[in-house]
Amino acid sequence: MEGTVPPDVAYRQIRHELSSYSQELAKRPGMVVVTKMDLPEAQEGLRLMQEIVDGPVYAISAVTGAGLPKLVGAILRRLQSER
């Protein structure tokens, strides 16, 4: 997509901004979700994110519903473990 920031660059920018705002907040666990997996170009973004993120990267498509049950399950497990 012309004029868009590559997902790995955007991720690093967001992490930098978050740590600049609050080191404590930046240390909290997060979840990385790559969306629009129904588009062919999303595969490259997923690959990039899997290379740089230490942990799972969830791939979803809101259009097809692909990956949503896995993501919802991961969110529920995370919430239950933090109780």
Protein backbone atom coordinates (compact mmCIF):
# COMPACT_ATOMS: atom_id res chain seq x y z
CA MET A 1 0.00 0.00 0.00
CA GLU A 2 1.52 3.24 -1.13
CA GLY A 3 2.10 5.88 1.53
CA THR A 4 1.67 3.57 4.51
CA VAL A 5 4.24 2.86 7.19
CA PRO A 6 5.45 -0.77 7.22
CA PRO A 7 4.00 -2.64 10.22
CA ASP A 8 7.38 -3.37 11.80
CA VAL A 9 8.30 0.33 11.67
CA ALA A 10 4.91 1.33 13.08
CA TYR A 11 5.27 -1.22 15.89
CA ARG A 12 8.69 0.10 16.87
CA GLN A 13 7.38 3.69 16.81
CA ILE A 14 4.45 2.78 19.04
CA ARG A 15 6.69 0.91 21.51
CA HIS A 16 9.07 3.89 21.62
CA GLU A 17 6.24 6.36 22.21
CA LEU A 18 4.76 4.13 24.90
CA SER A 19 8.07 3.85 26.77
CA SER A 20 8.61 7.61 26.45
CA TYR A 21 5.21 8.17 28.01
CA SER A 22 5.57 5.60 30.82
CA GLN A 23 8.24 2.98 31.47
CA GLU A 24 5.85 1.20 33.82
CA LEU A 25 3.16 0.99 31.15
CA ALA A 26 5.69 -0.16 28.54
CA LYS A 27 6.68 -3.10 30.78
CA ARG A 28 3.14 -4.45 30.94
CA PRO A 29 2.35 -7.42 28.71
CA GLY A 30 0.61 -6.69 25.45
CA MET A 31 -0.84 -8.52 22.51
CA VAL A 32 0.12 -8.00 18.89
CA VAL A 33 -2.61 -8.48 16.31
CA VAL A 34 -2.15 -8.25 12.55
CA THR A 35 -5.43 -7.43 10.84
CA LYS A 36 -6.82 -7.54 7.31
CA MET A 37 -5.44 -11.02 6.73
CA ASP A 38 -7.96 -11.41 3.92
CA LEU A 39 -5.75 -9.11 1.83
CA PRO A 40 -2.77 -10.67 0.01
CA GLU A 41 -0.29 -8.03 1.19
CA ALA A 42 -1.08 -8.78 4.85
CA GLN A 43 1.04 -11.96 4.73
CA GLU A 44 4.22 -9.89 4.44
CA GLY A 45 3.18 -7.74 7.42
CA LEU A 46 2.54 -10.87 9.46
CA ARG A 47 5.95 -12.26 8.57
CA LEU A 48 7.66 -9.00 9.56
CA MET A 49 5.86 -8.86 12.89
CA GLN A 50 6.67 -12.49 13.71
CA GLU A 51 10.34 -11.69 13.15
CA ILE A 52 10.49 -8.75 15.56
CA VAL A 53 7.94 -9.55 18.28
CA ASP A 54 9.00 -11.71 21.19
CA GLY A 55 5.83 -13.72 21.67
CA PRO A 56 2.72 -14.66 19.76
CA VAL A 57 1.39 -12.57 16.91
CA TYR A 58 -2.30 -13.08 16.24
CA ALA A 59 -3.51 -12.90 12.64
CA ILE A 60 -7.16 -12.00 12.07
CA SER A 61 -9.61 -10.95 9.43
CA ALA A 62 -12.75 -9.12 10.49
CA VAL A 63 -14.18 -9.74 7.00
CA THR A 64 -13.85 -13.54 7.05
CA GLY A 65 -13.65 -14.10 10.81
CA ALA A 66 -10.39 -16.00 10.41
CA GLY A 67 -8.29 -16.04 13.56
CA LEU A 68 -10.93 -14.40 15.76
CA PRO A 69 -11.70 -17.45 17.93
CA LYS A 70 -7.98 -17.92 18.64
CA LEU A 71 -7.59 -14.23 19.54
CA VAL A 72 -10.66 -14.19 21.78
CA GLY A 73 -9.42 -17.33 23.54
CA ALA A 74 -6.03 -15.73 24.14
CA ILE A 75 -7.66 -12.58 25.53
CA LEU A 76 -9.84 -14.61 27.89
CA ARG A 77 -6.86 -16.65 29.12
CA ARG A 78 -4.87 -13.44 29.70
CA LEU A 79 -7.71 -11.85 31.65
CA GLN A 80 -8.24 -14.96 33.76
CA SER A 81 -4.54 -15.23 34.57
CA GLU A 82 -4.45 -11.61 35.77
CA ARG A 83 -7.24 -12.10 38.30
